[in-house]
PDB file of N, CA and C in Angstrom:
ATOM      1  N   MET A   1    -143.849-111.429-149.766  1.00  0.00           N
ATOM      2  CA  MET A   1    -144.952-112.373-149.766  1.00  0.00           C
ATOM      3  C   MET A   1    -146.250-111.608-150.023  1.00  0.00           C
ATOM      4  N   PRO A   2    -147.014-112.008-151.032  1.00  0.00           N
ATOM      5  CA  PRO A   2    -148.258-111.292-151.331  1.00  0.00           C
ATOM      6  C   PRO A   2    -149.279-111.510-150.219  1.00  0.00           C
ATOM      7  N   SER A   3    -150.074-110.454-149.970  1.00  0.00           N
ATOM      8  CA  SER A   3    -151.081-110.585-148.918  1.00  0.00           C
ATOM      9  C   SER A   3    -152.327-111.264-149.475  1.00  0.00           C
ATOM     10  N   VAL A   4    -152.995-111.994-148.635  1.00  0.00           N
ATOM     11  CA  VAL A   4    -154.222-112.687-148.998  1.00  0.00           C
ATOM     12  C   VAL A   4    -155.342-111.656-149.032  1.00  0.00           C
ATOM     13  N   HIS A   5    -156.260-111.806-149.954  1.00  0.00           N
ATOM     14  CA  HIS A   5    -157.373-110.859-150.080  1.00  0.00           C
ATOM     15  C   HIS A   5    -158.118-110.762-148.747  1.00  0.00           C
ATOM     16  N   GLY A   6    -158.325-109.544-148.282  1.00  0.00           N
ATOM     17  CA  GLY A   6    -159.043-109.338-147.035  1.00  0.00           C
ATOM     18  C   GLY A   6    -158.141-109.212-145.829  1.00  0.00           C
ATOM     19  N   MET A   7    -156.890-109.586-145.957  1.00  0.00           N
ATOM     20  CA  MET A   7    -155.972-109.476-144.833  1.00  0.00           C
ATOM     21  C   MET A   7    -155.002-108.336-145.113  1.00  0.00           C
ATOM     22  N   GLY A   8    -154.833-107.477-144.142  1.00  0.00           N
ATOM     23  CA  GLY A   8    -153.948-106.334-144.320  1.00  0.00           C
ATOM     24  C   GLY A   8    -152.490-106.709-144.165  1.00  0.00           C
ATOM     25  N   ARG A   9    -151.659-105.792-144.555  1.00  0.00           N
ATOM     26  CA  ARG A   9    -150.232-105.983-144.369  1.00  0.00           C
ATOM     27  C   ARG A   9    -149.867-105.691-142.923  1.00  0.00           C
ATOM     28  N   LYS A  10    -148.686-106.132-142.530  1.00  0.00           N
ATOM     29  CA  LYS A  10    -148.276-105.937-141.145  1.00  0.00           C
ATOM     30  C   LYS A  10    -148.065-104.470-140.804  1.00  0.00           C
ATOM     31  N   ASN A  11    -147.688-103.648-141.764  1.00  0.00           N
ATOM     32  CA  ASN A  11    -147.425-102.244-141.470  1.00  0.00           C
ATOM     33  C   ASN A  11    -148.661-101.361-141.637  1.00  0.00           C
ATOM     34  N   ASP A  12    -149.813-101.944-141.984  1.00  0.00           N
ATOM     35  CA  ASP A  12    -151.048-101.165-142.088  1.00  0.00           C
ATOM     36  C   ASP A  12    -151.523-100.761-140.693  1.00  0.00           C
ATOM     37  N   PRO A  13    -152.004 -99.526-140.543  1.00  0.00           N
ATOM     38  CA  PRO A  13    -152.538 -99.127-139.233  1.00  0.00           C
ATOM     39  C   PRO A  13    -153.841 -99.858-138.943  1.00  0.00           C
ATOM     40  N   VAL A  14    -154.089-100.067-137.676  1.00  0.00           N
ATOM     41  CA  VAL A  14    -155.322-100.744-137.268  1.00  0.00           C
ATOM     42  C   VAL A  14    -156.495 -99.796-137.482  1.00  0.00           C
ATOM     43  N   ASN A  15    -157.563-100.323-137.984  1.00  0.00           N
ATOM     44  CA  ASN A  15    -158.774 -99.540-138.199  1.00  0.00           C
ATOM     45  C   ASN A  15    -159.301 -99.070-136.841  1.00  0.00           C
ATOM     46  N   PRO A  16    -159.401 -97.759-136.613  1.00  0.00           N
ATOM     47  CA  PRO A  16    -159.842 -97.275-135.297  1.00  0.00           C
ATOM     48  C   PRO A  16    -161.278 -97.656-134.963  1.00  0.00           C
ATOM     49  N   PHE A  17    -162.072 -97.932-135.969  1.00  0.00           N
ATOM     50  CA  PHE A  17    -163.455 -98.320-135.702  1.00  0.00           C
ATOM     51  C   PHE A  17    -163.543 -99.725-135.110  1.00  0.00           C
ATOM     52  N   TYR A  18    -162.503-100.524-135.262  1.00  0.00           N
ATOM     53  CA  TYR A  18    -162.476-101.835-134.606  1.00  0.00           C
ATOM     54  C   TYR A  18    -162.503-101.670-133.090  1.00  0.00           C
ATOM     55  N   TRP A  19    -161.776-100.665-132.583  1.00  0.00           N
ATOM     56  CA  TRP A  19    -161.773-100.435-131.133  1.00  0.00           C
ATOM     57  C   TRP A  19    -163.155 -99.981-130.663  1.00  0.00           C
ATOM     58  N   VAL A  20    -163.833 -99.186-131.472  1.00  0.00           N
ATOM     59  CA  VAL A  20    -165.191 -98.761-131.125  1.00  0.00           C
ATOM     60  C   VAL A  20    -166.123 -99.973-131.130  1.00  0.00           C
ATOM     61  N   LEU A  21    -165.931-100.871-132.091  1.00  0.00           N
ATOM     62  CA  LEU A  21    -166.738-102.087-132.145  1.00  0.00           C
ATOM     63  C   LEU A  21    -166.530-102.948-130.907  1.00  0.00           C
ATOM     64  N   VAL A  22    -165.286-103.120-130.515  1.00  0.00           N
ATOM     65  CA  VAL A  22    -164.997-103.947-129.334  1.00  0.00           C
ATOM     66  C   VAL A  22    -165.586-103.314-128.077  1.00  0.00           C
ATOM     67  N   ALA A  23    -165.380-102.008-127.913  1.00  0.00           N
ATOM     68  CA  ALA A  23    -165.876-101.323-126.714  1.00  0.00           C
ATOM     69  C   ALA A  23    -167.402-101.318-126.657  1.00  0.00           C
ATOM     70  N   SER A  24    -168.044-100.983-127.764  1.00  0.00           N
ATOM     71  CA  SER A  24    -169.510-100.921-127.745  1.00  0.00           C
ATOM     72  C   SER A  24    -170.123-102.314-127.629  1.00  0.00           C
ATOM     73  N   GLY A  25    -169.486-103.304-128.221  1.00  0.00           N
ATOM     74  CA  GLY A  25    -169.971-104.674-128.074  1.00  0.00           C
ATOM     75  C   GLY A  25    -169.857-105.166-126.639  1.00  0.00           C
ATOM     76  N   ALA A  26    -168.743-104.850-125.998  1.00  0.00           N
ATOM     77  CA  ALA A  26    -168.559-105.239-124.599  1.00  0.00           C
ATOM     78  C   ALA A  26    -169.564-104.520-123.702  1.00  0.00           C
ATOM     79  N   MET A  27    -169.782-103.223-123.968  1.00  0.00           N
ATOM     80  CA  MET A  27    -170.763-102.475-123.175  1.00  0.00           C
ATOM     81  C   MET A  27    -172.170-103.029-123.364  1.00  0.00           C
ATOM     82  N   LEU A  28    -172.493-103.435-124.577  1.00  0.00           N
ATOM     83  CA  LEU A  28    -173.813-103.999-124.851  1.00  0.00           C
ATOM     84  C   LEU A  28    -174.013-105.307-124.099  1.00  0.00           C
ATOM     85  N   VAL A  29    -172.997-106.163-124.104  1.00  0.00           N
ATOM     86  CA  VAL A  29    -173.091-107.441-123.384  1.00  0.00           C
ATOM     87  C   VAL A  29    -173.256-107.195-121.890  1.00  0.00           C
ATOM     88  N   VAL A  30    -172.465-106.282-121.333  1.00  0.00           N
ATOM     89  CA  VAL A  30    -172.558-105.982-119.899  1.00  0.00           C
ATOM     90  C   VAL A  30    -173.933-105.414-119.557  1.00  0.00           C
ATOM     91  N   THR A  31    -174.451-104.532-120.390  1.00  0.00           N
ATOM     92  CA  THR A  31    -175.768-103.938-120.140  1.00  0.00           C
ATOM     93  C   THR A  31    -176.860-104.998-120.174  1.00  0.00           C
ATOM     94  N   ILE A  32    -176.813-105.875-121.155  1.00  0.00           N
ATOM     95  CA  ILE A  32    -177.838-106.918-121.256  1.00  0.00           C
ATOM     96  C   ILE A  32    -177.752-107.872-120.072  1.00  0.00           C
ATOM     97  N   LEU A  33    -176.534-108.237-119.672  1.00  0.00           N
ATOM     98  CA  LEU A  33    -176.391-109.107-118.501  1.00  0.00           C
ATOM     99  C   LEU A  33    -176.897-108.416-117.234  1.00  0.00           C
ATOM    100  N   ALA A  34    -176.615-107.131-117.085  1.00  0.00           N
ATOM    101  CA  ALA A  34    -177.108-106.390-115.923  1.00  0.00           C
ATOM    102  C   ALA A  34    -178.629-106.317-115.930  1.00  0.00           C
ATOM    103  N   LEU A  35    -179.222-106.137-117.100  1.00  0.00           N
ATOM    104  CA  LEU A  35    -180.681-106.124-117.192  1.00  0.00           C
ATOM    105  C   LEU A  35    -181.273-107.481-116.813  1.00  0.00           C
ATOM    106  N   LEU A  36    -180.624-108.544-117.247  1.00  0.00           N
ATOM    107  CA  LEU A  36    -181.100-109.886-116.889  1.00  0.00           C
ATOM    108  C   LEU A  36    -180.996-110.128-115.391  1.00  0.00           C
ATOM    109  N   VAL A  37    -179.900-109.686-114.784  1.00  0.00           N
ATOM    110  CA  VAL A  37    -179.742-109.861-113.339  1.00  0.00           C
ATOM    111  C   VAL A  37    -180.800-109.065-112.594  1.00  0.00           C
ATOM    112  N   SER A  38    -181.036-107.819-113.006  1.00  0.00           N
ATOM    113  CA  SER A  38    -182.057-107.025-112.318  1.00  0.00           C
ATOM    114  C   SER A  38    -183.445-107.611-112.552  1.00  0.00           C
ATOM    115  N   LEU A  39    -183.668-108.194-113.704  1.00  0.00           N
ATOM    116  CA  LEU A  39    -184.958-108.823-113.984  1.00  0.00           C
ATOM    117  C   LEU A  39    -185.174-110.033-113.085  1.00  0.00           C
ATOM    118  N   LEU A  40    -184.113-110.793-112.835  1.00  0.00           N
ATOM    119  CA  LEU A  40    -184.237-112.006-112.023  1.00  0.00           C
ATOM    120  C   LEU A  40    -184.251-111.720-110.527  1.00  0.00           C
ATOM    121  N   THR A  41    -183.694-110.594-110.096  1.00  0.00           N
ATOM    122  CA  THR A  41    -183.592-110.344-108.662  1.00  0.00           C
ATOM    123  C   THR A  41    -184.651-109.399-108.115  1.00  0.00           C
ATOM    124  N   LEU A  42    -185.191-108.515-108.922  1.00  0.00           N
ATOM    125  CA  LEU A  42    -186.190-107.565-108.424  1.00  0.00           C
ATOM    126  C   LEU A  42    -187.596-108.115-108.620  1.00  0.00           C
ATOM    127  N   ASP A  43    -188.452-107.798-107.704  1.00  0.00           N
ATOM    128  CA  ASP A  43    -189.846-108.214-107.781  1.00  0.00           C
ATOM    129  C   ASP A  43    -190.590-107.260-108.709  1.00  0.00           C
ATOM    130  N   PRO A  44    -191.091-107.745-109.846  1.00  0.00           N
ATOM    131  CA  PRO A  44    -191.717-106.831-110.812  1.00  0.00           C
ATOM    132  C   PRO A  44    -193.033-106.230-110.317  1.00  0.00           C
ATOM    133  N   PHE A  45    -193.684-106.889-109.360  1.00  0.00           N
ATOM    134  CA  PHE A  45    -194.979-106.392-108.896  1.00  0.00           C
ATOM    135  C   PHE A  45    -194.830-105.251-107.896  1.00  0.00           C
ATOM    136  N   VAL A  46    -193.673-105.174-107.244  1.00  0.00           N
ATOM    137  CA  VAL A  46    -193.439-104.109-106.278  1.00  0.00           C
ATOM    138  C   VAL A  46    -192.842-102.902-106.971  1.00  0.00           C
ATOM    139  N   GLY A  47    -192.039-103.133-108.006  1.00  0.00           N
ATOM    140  CA  GLY A  47    -191.421-102.052-108.762  1.00  0.00           C
ATOM    141  C   GLY A  47    -190.351-101.354-107.955  1.00  0.00           C
ATOM    142  N   GLU A  48    -190.246-100.045-108.137  1.00  0.00           N
ATOM    143  CA  GLU A  48    -189.200 -99.281-107.457  1.00  0.00           C
ATOM    144  C   GLU A  48    -189.552 -98.977-106.011  1.00  0.00           C
ATOM    145  N   ALA A  49    -190.718 -99.388-105.572  1.00  0.00           N
ATOM    146  CA  ALA A  49    -191.098 -99.151-104.186  1.00  0.00           C
ATOM    147  C   ALA A  49    -190.387-100.124-103.243  1.00  0.00           C
ATOM    148  N   GLN A  50    -189.653-101.074-103.804  1.00  0.00           N
ATOM    149  CA  GLN A  50    -188.908-102.011-102.975  1.00  0.00           C
ATOM    150  C   GLN A  50    -187.914-101.262-102.103  1.00  0.00           C
ATOM    151  N   ILE A  51    -187.842-101.660-100.858  1.00  0.00           N
ATOM    152  CA  ILE A  51    -186.897-101.038 -99.940  1.00  0.00           C
ATOM    153  C   ILE A  51    -185.504-101.538-100.275  1.00  0.00           C
ATOM    154  N   GLY A  52    -184.577-100.614-100.393  1.00  0.00           N
ATOM    155  CA  GLY A  52    -183.185-100.987-100.614  1.00  0.00           C
ATOM    156  C   GLY A  52    -182.828-101.284-102.066  1.00  0.00           C
ATOM    157  N   VAL A  53    -183.616-100.807-103.011  1.00  0.00           N
ATOM    158  CA  VAL A  53    -183.266-101.005-104.416  1.00  0.00           C
ATOM    159  C   VAL A  53    -182.068-100.114-104.716  1.00  0.00           C
ATOM    160  N   PRO A  54    -180.958-100.720-105.125  1.00  0.00           N
ATOM    161  CA  PRO A  54    -179.764 -99.908-105.386  1.00  0.00           C
ATOM    162  C   PRO A  54    -179.963 -98.981-106.587  1.00  0.00           C
ATOM    163  N   PRO A  55    -179.272 -97.840-106.574  1.00  0.00           N
ATOM    164  CA  PRO A  55    -179.421 -96.874-107.680  1.00  0.00           C
ATOM    165  C   PRO A  55    -179.126 -97.451-109.070  1.00  0.00           C
ATOM    166  N   PRO A  56    -178.122 -98.332-109.233  1.00  0.00           N
ATOM    167  CA  PRO A  56    -177.924 -98.886-110.587  1.00  0.00           C
ATOM    168  C   PRO A  56    -179.138 -99.671-111.085  1.00  0.00           C
ATOM    169  N   ALA A  57    -179.814-100.379-110.181  1.00  0.00           N
ATOM    170  CA  ALA A  57    -181.004-101.133-110.590  1.00  0.00           C
ATOM    171  C   ALA A  57    -182.127-100.183-110.988  1.00  0.00           C
ATOM    172  N   ARG A  58    -182.261 -99.080-110.239  1.00  0.00           N
ATOM    173  CA  ARG A  58    -183.276 -98.086-110.607  1.00  0.00           C
ATOM    174  C   ARG A  58    -182.970 -97.466-111.967  1.00  0.00           C
ATOM    175  N   PHE A  59    -181.684 -97.184-112.196  1.00  0.00           N
ATOM    176  CA  PHE A  59    -181.279 -96.618-113.487  1.00  0.00           C
ATOM    177  C   PHE A  59    -181.591 -97.592-114.618  1.00  0.00           C
ATOM    178  N   LEU A  60    -181.262 -98.880-114.423  1.00  0.00           N
ATOM    179  CA  LEU A  60    -181.526 -99.871-115.469  1.00  0.00           C
ATOM    180  C   LEU A  60    -183.022-100.063-115.698  1.00  0.00           C
ATOM    181  N   ASN A  61    -183.802-100.026-114.635  1.00  0.00           N
ATOM    182  CA  ASN A  61    -185.251-100.165-114.806  1.00  0.00           C
ATOM    183  C   ASN A  61    -185.822 -99.025-115.626  1.00  0.00           C
ATOM    184  N   ARG A  62    -185.273 -97.846-115.441  1.00  0.00           N
ATOM    185  CA  ARG A  62    -185.806 -96.685-116.148  1.00  0.00           C
ATOM    186  C   ARG A  62    -185.216 -96.518-117.548  1.00  0.00           C
ATOM    187  N   TRP A  63    -183.901 -96.680-117.698  1.00  0.00           N
ATOM    188  CA  TRP A  63    -183.212 -96.352-118.940  1.00  0.00           C
ATOM    189  C   TRP A  63    -182.602 -97.558-119.654  1.00  0.00           C
ATOM    190  N   GLY A  64    -182.819 -98.760-119.183  1.00  0.00           N
ATOM    191  CA  GLY A  64    -182.174 -99.948-119.755  1.00  0.00           C
ATOM    192  C   GLY A  64    -182.476-100.165-121.232  1.00  0.00           C
ATOM    193  N   GLY A  65    -183.736-100.038-121.603  1.00  0.00           N
ATOM    194  CA  GLY A  65    -184.111-100.229-123.004  1.00  0.00           C
ATOM    195  C   GLY A  65    -183.490 -99.192-123.917  1.00  0.00           C
ATOM    196  N   THR A  66    -183.498 -97.949-123.460  1.00  0.00           N
ATOM    197  CA  THR A  66    -182.879 -96.874-124.238  1.00  0.00           C
ATOM    198  C   THR A  66    -181.383 -97.102-124.372  1.00  0.00           C
ATOM    199  N   LEU A  67    -180.749 -97.527-123.282  1.00  0.00           N
ATOM    200  CA  LEU A  67    -179.312 -97.779-123.291  1.00  0.00           C
ATOM    201  C   LEU A  67    -178.948 -98.895-124.275  1.00  0.00           C
ATOM    202  N   VAL A  68    -179.722 -99.965-124.280  1.00  0.00           N
ATOM    203  CA  VAL A  68    -179.475-101.056-125.230  1.00  0.00           C
ATOM    204  C   VAL A  68    -179.669-100.564-126.662  1.00  0.00           C
ATOM    205  N   GLY A  69    -180.677 -99.757-126.899  1.00  0.00           N
ATOM    206  CA  GLY A  69    -180.904 -99.220-128.242  1.00  0.00           C
ATOM    207  C   GLY A  69    -179.768 -98.336-128.722  1.00  0.00           C
ATOM    208  N   VAL A  70    -179.286 -97.455-127.839  1.00  0.00           N
ATOM    209  CA  VAL A  70    -178.183 -96.566-128.212  1.00  0.00           C
ATOM    210  C   VAL A  70    -176.911 -97.368-128.458  1.00  0.00           C
ATOM    211  N   GLU A  71    -176.623 -98.326-127.590  1.00  0.00           N
ATOM    212  CA  GLU A  71    -175.419 -99.142-127.774  1.00  0.00           C
ATOM    213  C   GLU A  71    -175.489 -99.967-129.061  1.00  0.00           C
ATOM    214  N   THR A  72    -176.677-100.474-129.389  1.00  0.00           N
ATOM    215  CA  THR A  72    -176.841-101.212-130.640  1.00  0.00           C
ATOM    216  C   THR A  72    -176.644-100.292-131.843  1.00  0.00           C
ATOM    217  N   GLY A  73    -177.163 -99.077-131.752  1.00  0.00           N
ATOM    218  CA  GLY A  73    -176.969 -98.107-132.832  1.00  0.00           C
ATOM    219  C   GLY A  73    -175.506 -97.757-133.038  1.00  0.00           C
ATOM    220  N   VAL A  74    -174.785 -97.525-131.939  1.00  0.00           N
ATOM    221  CA  VAL A  74    -173.354 -97.230-132.035  1.00  0.00           C
ATOM    222  C   VAL A  74    -172.616 -98.407-132.655  1.00  0.00           C
ATOM    223  N   LEU A  75    -172.983 -99.616-132.254  1.00  0.00           N
ATOM    224  CA  LEU A  75    -172.357-100.819-132.813  1.00  0.00           C
ATOM    225  C   LEU A  75    -172.598-100.920-134.316  1.00  0.00           C
ATOM    226  N   MET A  76    -173.810-100.637-134.754  1.00  0.00           N
ATOM    227  CA  MET A  76    -174.128-100.720-136.181  1.00  0.00           C
ATOM    228  C   MET A  76    -173.403 -99.654-136.990  1.00  0.00           C
ATOM    229  N   VAL A  77    -173.383 -98.423-136.482  1.00  0.00           N
ATOM    230  CA  VAL A  77    -172.692 -97.337-137.194  1.00  0.00           C
ATOM    231  C   VAL A  77    -171.198 -97.611-137.264  1.00  0.00           C
ATOM    232  N   ALA A  78    -170.612 -98.081-136.163  1.00  0.00           N
ATOM    233  CA  ALA A  78    -169.177 -98.386-136.156  1.00  0.00           C
ATOM    234  C   ALA A  78    -168.857 -99.524-137.128  1.00  0.00           C
ATOM    235  N   ALA A  79    -169.744-100.494-137.240  1.00  0.00           N
ATOM    236  CA  ALA A  79    -169.513-101.595-138.181  1.00  0.00           C
ATOM    237  C   ALA A  79    -169.516-101.093-139.623  1.00  0.00           C
ATOM    238  N   VAL A  80    -170.477-100.246-139.951  1.00  0.00           N
ATOM    239  CA  VAL A  80    -170.542 -99.692-141.309  1.00  0.00           C
ATOM    240  C   VAL A  80    -169.300 -98.845-141.603  1.00  0.00           C
ATOM    241  N   LEU A  81    -168.903 -98.017-140.635  1.00  0.00           N
ATOM    242  CA  LEU A  81    -167.717 -97.179-140.833  1.00  0.00           C
ATOM    243  C   LEU A  81    -166.439 -98.017-140.935  1.00  0.00           C
ATOM    244  N   ALA A  82    -166.336 -99.095-140.167  1.00  0.00           N
ATOM    245  CA  ALA A  82    -165.157 -99.965-140.252  1.00  0.00           C
ATOM    246  C   ALA A  82    -165.080-100.625-141.623  1.00  0.00           C
ATOM    247  N   ILE A  83    -166.208-101.083-142.119  1.00  0.00           N
ATOM    248  CA  ILE A  83    -166.236-101.709-143.444  1.00  0.00           C
ATOM    249  C   ILE A  83    -165.884-100.679-144.518  1.00  0.00           C
ATOM    250  N   ALA A  84    -166.437 -99.477-144.389  1.00  0.00           N
ATOM    251  CA  ALA A  84    -166.170 -98.423-145.378  1.00  0.00           C
ATOM    252  C   ALA A  84    -164.694 -98.032-145.369  1.00  0.00           C
ATOM    253  N   LEU A  85    -164.093 -97.892-144.189  1.00  0.00           N
ATOM    254  CA  LEU A  85    -162.686 -97.514-144.111  1.00  0.00           C
ATOM    255  C   LEU A  85    -161.789 -98.621-144.667  1.00  0.00           C
ATOM    256  N   ASP A  86    -162.124 -99.873-144.400  1.00  0.00           N
ATOM    257  CA  ASP A  86    -161.341-100.974-144.975  1.00  0.00           C
ATOM    258  C   ASP A  86    -161.423-100.970-146.498  1.00  0.00           C
ATOM    259  N   GLY A  87    -162.624-100.725-147.022  1.00  0.00           N
ATOM    260  CA  GLY A  87    -162.782-100.663-148.471  1.00  0.00           C
ATOM    261  C   GLY A  87    -162.009 -99.505-149.081  1.00  0.00           C
ATOM    262  N   PHE A  88    -162.050 -98.354-148.425  1.00  0.00           N
ATOM    263  CA  PHE A  88    -161.312 -97.181-148.892  1.00  0.00           C
ATOM    264  C   PHE A  88    -159.808 -97.455-148.899  1.00  0.00           C
ATOM    265  N   ARG A  89    -159.314 -98.066-147.846  1.00  0.00           N
ATOM    266  CA  ARG A  89    -157.880 -98.378-147.762  1.00  0.00           C
ATOM    267  C   ARG A  89    -157.463 -99.408-148.805  1.00  0.00           C
ATOM    268  N   SER A  90    -158.313-100.413-149.045  1.00  0.00           N
ATOM    269  CA  SER A  90    -157.932-101.434-150.021  1.00  0.00           C
ATOM    270  C   SER A  90    -157.947-100.885-151.449  1.00  0.00           C
ATOM    271  N   ARG A  91    -158.891 -99.970-151.733  1.00  0.00           N
ATOM    272  CA  ARG A  91    -158.891 -99.327-153.059  1.00  0.00           C
ATOM    273  C   ARG A  91    -157.659 -98.447-153.230  1.00  0.00           C
ATOM    274  N   GLY A  92    -157.250 -97.783-152.165  1.00  0.00           N
ATOM    275  CA  GLY A  92    -156.040 -96.959-152.220  1.00  0.00           C
ATOM    276  C   GLY A  92    -154.793 -97.792-152.449  1.00  0.00           C
ATOM    277  N   ARG A  93    -154.754 -98.989-151.858  1.00  0.00           N
ATOM    278  CA  ARG A  93    -153.604 -99.883-152.061  1.00  0.00           C
ATOM    279  C   ARG A  93    -153.566-100.439-153.476  1.00  0.00           C
ATOM    280  N   GLN A  94    -154.736-100.685-154.058  1.00  0.00           N
ATOM    281  CA  GLN A  94    -154.785-101.244-155.408  1.00  0.00           C
ATOM    282  C   GLN A  94    -154.340-100.228-156.453  1.00  0.00           C
ATOM    283  N   ARG A  95    -154.626 -98.945-156.200  1.00  0.00           N
ATOM    284  CA  ARG A  95    -154.235 -97.899-157.154  1.00  0.00           C
ATOM    285  C   ARG A  95    -152.727 -97.669-157.153  1.00  0.00           C
ATOM    286  N   GLY A  96    -152.140 -97.895-156.030  1.00  0.00           N
ATOM    287  CA  GLY A  96    -150.710 -97.677-156.130  1.00  0.00           C
ATOM    288  C   GLY A  96    -150.077 -97.396-154.869  1.00  0.00           C
TER     289      GLY A  96
END
């Protein structure tokens, strides 16, 4: 049975960058949700001087923006690499 354009054969190996996409996408969603929770629960006028601020909240307050930027960058690079590897594999299949 001929394969439909864009769909791989059953014996083709899975693109490893797909796993990076899934992992980095999940991490990005979790990070953004954690930032939203810390934004809604912490008093912005008191800042880190709040008594009992847990260490994860302090970490997110300090590094949350950087973390989202890095995770977005990893997601973008993995997407480009996944597309490139799929294109390379499909050209190899067409040649023979």
